[in-house]
């Protein structure tokens, strides 16, 4: 018997806020245009993710990739001692620098980071996000858990009028999804057992794999109808839109 479901926790970017892979590509395209670089956002994004995958294959490799759909990120720890933590404000500028070097571009890494950080802070929520969160509040405690620095996550939530009892960022937890420690930290903040929490997210790796491994229930927001990759456990619920969540919870 499952324990009663007491809380619903949401991922932010790509789930409640309309900024996933496409958002990063648009922001990277703006970086190229603003800096006069002979490159487009798609090429810069592809290089960015290529470097992340290479780093992740190395022992003690780089920090977690940006939010949004993540196809394959090898070697990311999900249990045991969390890897050394660096917030995105520390991690991203040198990563941009490596991207520029490998693409043969004379870009400004700090300016690129600051532009993307600003875009993340200004990003708009999906139209239905606020109503979905507020509709759950009478029956459940609502929380948010995101791989994000506080200096762009908190302004984004405030700008969109999204309020939560508990907000856990990777920066405040000092660990990134999919590691179980960030999900267990959320449970501790709420004073609940992991199985009493359902986590709603769009990433099959960071959200479905990470939260299921940590013992939470999972609602996978699969807007594009993607297949679940081999090795990723089945979510408890699968959604094509946020608006389906309340209806599916009735039969969960």
Protein backbone atom coordinates (compact mmCIF):
# COMPACT_ATOMS: atom_id res chain seq x y z
CA UNK A 1 0.00 0.00 0.00
CA UNK A 2 1.31 3.42 -0.94
CA UNK A 3 1.20 6.08 1.77
CA UNK A 4 -1.22 8.95 1.17
CA UNK A 5 0.00 11.55 -1.30
CA UNK A 6 0.54 14.76 0.65
CA UNK A 7 2.62 17.06 -1.56
CA UNK A 8 3.15 17.88 -5.22
CA UNK A 9 6.57 19.27 -6.14
CA UNK A 10 7.34 20.79 -9.53
CA UNK A 11 10.41 21.21 -11.67
CA UNK A 12 10.66 24.78 -12.96
CA UNK A 13 12.27 25.23 -16.38
CA UNK A 14 10.62 23.22 -19.12
CA UNK A 15 7.80 22.19 -16.76
CA UNK A 16 6.19 25.32 -15.31
CA UNK A 17 8.29 27.87 -17.17
CA UNK A 18 8.58 27.84 -20.95
CA UNK A 19 12.36 27.58 -21.17
CA UNK A 20 13.77 24.22 -22.22
CA UNK A 21 16.11 23.31 -25.05
CA UNK A 22 14.34 25.75 -27.36
CA UNK A 23 14.76 28.56 -24.83
CA UNK A 24 18.47 27.93 -24.52
CA UNK A 25 18.86 27.82 -28.29
CA UNK A 26 17.07 31.17 -28.65
CA UNK A 27 19.20 32.72 -25.92
CA UNK A 28 22.38 31.33 -27.49
CA UNK A 29 21.30 32.71 -30.87
CA UNK A 30 20.93 36.11 -29.23
CA UNK A 31 24.41 35.75 -27.71
CA UNK A 32 25.86 35.12 -31.17
CA UNK A 33 24.06 38.10 -32.69
CA UNK A 34 24.86 40.48 -29.83
CA UNK A 35 28.54 39.54 -29.95
CA UNK A 36 28.73 39.51 -33.73
CA UNK A 37 29.82 35.87 -33.85
CA UNK A 38 29.65 33.87 -37.12
CA UNK A 39 27.57 31.14 -35.47
CA UNK A 40 23.94 30.47 -34.64
CA UNK A 41 22.22 29.33 -31.47
CA UNK A 42 21.71 25.76 -32.65
CA UNK A 43 25.42 25.27 -33.34
CA UNK A 44 26.44 26.85 -30.03
CA UNK A 45 23.88 24.73 -28.15
CA UNK A 46 25.08 21.55 -29.86
CA UNK A 47 28.67 22.35 -28.89
CA UNK A 48 27.57 23.16 -25.33
CA UNK A 49 25.85 19.79 -24.93
CA UNK A 50 28.68 17.93 -26.64
CA UNK A 51 31.14 19.30 -24.09
CA UNK A 52 28.78 18.44 -21.21
CA UNK A 53 28.53 14.85 -22.36
CA UNK A 54 32.30 14.56 -22.66
CA UNK A 55 32.80 16.03 -19.20
CA UNK A 56 30.15 13.74 -17.72
CA UNK A 57 32.00 10.67 -18.98
CA UNK A 58 35.10 11.69 -17.04
CA UNK A 59 35.47 10.66 -13.39
CA UNK A 60 34.34 13.61 -11.33
CA UNK A 61 33.20 15.32 -14.52
CA UNK A 62 31.36 18.58 -15.00
CA UNK A 63 28.27 19.81 -13.23
CA UNK A 64 24.74 18.98 -14.32
CA UNK A 65 23.62 20.12 -17.78
CA UNK A 66 21.06 22.88 -18.19
CA UNK A 67 17.45 22.02 -17.60
CA UNK A 68 15.21 20.84 -20.38
CA UNK A 69 15.10 17.49 -22.13
CA UNK A 70 18.39 15.63 -21.68
CA UNK A 71 18.81 12.71 -24.04
CA UNK A 72 21.81 10.90 -22.57
CA UNK A 73 24.08 12.18 -19.84
CA UNK A 74 26.44 9.40 -18.90
CA UNK A 75 28.10 9.00 -15.55
CA UNK A 76 25.95 11.41 -13.57
CA UNK A 77 25.85 10.17 -9.96
CA UNK A 78 22.45 9.54 -8.43
CA UNK A 79 23.54 8.22 -5.03
CA UNK A 80 26.52 8.17 -2.71
CA UNK A 81 28.53 11.27 -1.75
CA UNK A 82 27.39 14.19 -3.93
CA UNK A 83 30.09 15.52 -6.27
CA UNK A 84 31.78 18.84 -5.55
CA UNK A 85 29.26 21.60 -6.14
CA UNK A 86 29.69 24.74 -8.20
CA UNK A 87 26.73 27.03 -8.96
CA UNK A 88 25.96 27.88 -12.55
CA UNK A 89 27.39 31.39 -12.12
CA UNK A 90 30.76 29.72 -11.57
CA UNK A 91 30.29 26.80 -13.97
CA UNK A 92 28.80 28.44 -17.05
CA UNK A 93 31.31 31.20 -17.97
CA UNK A 94 34.25 28.80 -18.45
CA UNK A 95 31.93 26.42 -20.25
CA UNK A 96 31.05 29.19 -22.69
CA UNK A 97 34.76 29.87 -23.01
CA UNK A 98 35.45 26.27 -23.99
CA UNK A 99 32.57 26.36 -26.49
CA UNK A 100 33.95 29.50 -28.10
CA UNK A 101 37.47 28.05 -28.23
CA UNK A 102 36.36 24.80 -29.86
CA UNK A 103 34.21 26.66 -32.38
CA UNK A 104 37.04 29.09 -33.17
CA UNK A 105 35.02 32.09 -31.98
CA UNK A 106 36.23 35.20 -30.14
CA UNK A 107 33.28 35.43 -27.79
CA UNK A 108 32.95 36.97 -24.34
CA UNK A 109 32.08 34.12 -21.91
CA UNK A 110 31.03 36.38 -19.02
CA UNK A 111 28.72 38.42 -21.23
CA UNK A 112 27.25 35.22 -22.69
CA UNK A 113 26.55 33.85 -19.21
CA UNK A 114 24.97 37.11 -18.05
CA UNK A 115 22.67 37.21 -21.08
CA UNK A 116 21.45 33.66 -20.50
CA UNK A 117 21.05 34.29 -16.76
CA UNK A 118 18.89 37.32 -17.53
CA UNK A 119 16.77 35.37 -19.99
CA UNK A 120 16.19 32.66 -17.37
CA UNK A 121 15.14 35.28 -14.81
CA UNK A 122 12.73 36.86 -17.32
CA UNK A 123 11.28 33.63 -18.76
CA UNK A 124 7.49 33.33 -18.89
CA UNK A 125 5.50 30.50 -17.35
CA UNK A 126 3.30 28.31 -19.52
CA UNK A 127 -0.19 29.87 -19.62
CA UNK A 128 -1.78 27.13 -17.52
CA UNK A 129 1.00 26.88 -14.90
CA UNK A 130 -0.41 29.27 -12.30
CA UNK A 131 -3.91 27.81 -12.41
CA UNK A 132 -2.58 24.25 -12.10
CA UNK A 133 -0.46 25.10 -9.05
CA UNK A 134 -3.26 27.02 -7.36
CA UNK A 135 -5.80 24.31 -8.15
CA UNK A 136 -3.73 21.77 -6.23
CA UNK A 137 -3.23 23.90 -3.15
CA UNK A 138 -6.52 23.04 -1.37
CA UNK A 139 -5.67 19.31 -1.42
CA UNK A 140 -1.88 19.16 -1.40
CA UNK A 141 1.15 21.00 -0.18
CA UNK A 142 2.93 22.47 -3.19
CA UNK A 143 6.69 22.83 -3.58
CA UNK A 144 9.29 23.49 -6.23
CA UNK A 145 12.64 21.78 -6.85
CA UNK A 146 14.88 23.02 -9.64
CA UNK A 147 18.43 22.81 -10.94
CA UNK A 148 18.95 26.56 -10.86
CA UNK A 149 20.82 29.39 -9.19
CA UNK A 150 18.69 31.47 -6.86
CA UNK A 151 19.55 34.73 -8.63
CA UNK A 152 17.55 33.74 -11.69
CA UNK A 153 15.11 31.18 -10.24
CA UNK A 154 13.57 33.35 -7.52
CA UNK A 155 13.01 36.41 -9.75
CA UNK A 156 11.45 34.15 -12.38
CA UNK A 157 8.99 32.69 -9.89
CA UNK A 158 8.09 36.13 -8.55
CA UNK A 159 7.68 37.58 -12.05
CA UNK A 160 5.22 34.80 -12.92
CA UNK A 161 3.31 34.91 -9.64
CA UNK A 162 4.25 31.31 -8.80
CA UNK A 163 4.29 30.76 -5.02
CA UNK A 164 5.26 27.61 -3.13
CA UNK A 165 5.45 26.50 0.46
CA UNK A 166 8.99 25.26 -0.14
CA UNK A 167 11.49 26.13 -2.87
CA UNK A 168 14.64 24.00 -3.16
CA UNK A 169 17.22 25.05 -5.73
CA UNK A 170 20.39 23.19 -6.60
CA UNK A 171 22.23 26.20 -5.19
CA UNK A 172 20.47 26.03 -1.82
CA UNK A 173 20.83 22.22 -1.67
CA UNK A 174 24.43 22.28 -2.98
CA UNK A 175 23.69 19.34 -5.26
CA UNK A 176 22.12 18.83 -8.69
CA UNK A 177 19.40 16.53 -9.91
CA UNK A 178 19.38 13.59 -10.53
CA UNK A 179 21.29 12.93 -7.29
CA UNK A 180 19.01 11.51 -4.62
CA UNK A 181 20.31 13.99 -2.03
CA UNK A 182 18.41 16.92 -3.52
CA UNK A 183 15.12 14.97 -3.52
CA UNK A 184 15.69 13.72 0.02
CA UNK A 185 16.46 17.31 1.00
CA UNK A 186 13.07 18.34 -0.34
CA UNK A 187 11.38 15.61 1.70
CA UNK A 188 13.23 16.80 4.81
CA UNK A 189 12.17 20.41 4.17
CA UNK A 190 8.54 19.28 3.90
CA UNK A 191 8.79 16.88 6.84
CA UNK A 192 7.43 14.07 4.67
CA UNK A 193 8.51 10.66 3.46
CA UNK A 194 9.70 10.63 -0.16
CA UNK A 195 6.79 8.36 -1.13
CA UNK A 196 4.34 10.99 0.14
CA UNK A 197 5.58 13.42 -2.56
CA UNK A 198 4.87 13.40 -6.28
CA UNK A 199 7.45 15.16 -8.43
CA UNK A 200 6.31 16.69 -11.73
CA UNK A 201 9.00 17.23 -14.35
CA UNK A 202 9.76 17.09 -18.06
CA UNK A 203 13.23 15.50 -18.06
CA UNK A 204 13.30 11.72 -18.19
CA UNK A 205 16.82 11.75 -16.74
CA UNK A 206 16.92 14.50 -14.09
CA UNK A 207 13.27 14.20 -13.11
CA UNK A 208 11.94 10.69 -13.76
CA UNK A 209 15.11 8.71 -13.08
CA UNK A 210 16.28 10.95 -10.26
CA UNK A 211 13.00 11.24 -8.38
CA UNK A 212 12.00 7.57 -8.78
CA UNK A 213 15.41 6.45 -7.55
CA UNK A 214 15.01 8.70 -4.50
CA UNK A 215 11.64 7.10 -3.68
CA UNK A 216 9.28 9.84 -4.83
CA UNK A 217 6.30 9.29 -7.07
CA UNK A 218 6.71 10.88 -10.47
CA UNK A 219 4.46 12.54 -13.04
CA UNK A 220 6.39 12.84 -16.30
CA UNK A 221 5.35 15.83 -18.38
CA UNK A 222 5.93 14.41 -21.86
CA UNK A 223 4.53 17.13 -24.11
CA UNK A 224 6.11 15.74 -27.29
CA UNK A 225 5.13 12.11 -26.74
CA UNK A 226 8.75 10.93 -26.61
CA UNK A 227 9.51 7.28 -25.80
CA UNK A 228 10.97 6.58 -22.39
CA UNK A 229 14.65 5.66 -22.84
CA UNK A 230 15.88 2.22 -21.83
CA UNK A 231 16.94 2.11 -18.21
CA UNK A 232 14.61 4.90 -17.06
CA UNK A 233 11.88 3.59 -14.74
CA UNK A 234 8.23 4.04 -15.60
CA UNK A 235 6.70 7.17 -14.07
CA UNK A 236 3.59 6.86 -11.95
CA UNK A 237 1.77 9.23 -14.29
CA UNK A 238 2.50 10.48 -17.80
CA UNK A 239 1.10 13.85 -18.87
CA UNK A 240 0.86 15.53 -22.26
CA UNK A 241 0.02 18.84 -20.58
CA UNK A 242 0.10 20.34 -17.11
CA UNK A 243 -3.66 20.67 -17.24
CA UNK A 244 -4.01 16.88 -17.14
CA UNK A 245 -2.38 16.65 -13.71
CA UNK A 246 -5.42 17.25 -11.50
CA UNK A 247 -7.56 14.81 -13.49
CA UNK A 248 -4.95 12.05 -13.36
CA UNK A 249 -4.36 12.58 -9.66
CA UNK A 250 -7.99 11.68 -9.06
CA UNK A 251 -7.27 8.10 -10.12
CA UNK A 252 -3.66 7.87 -8.87
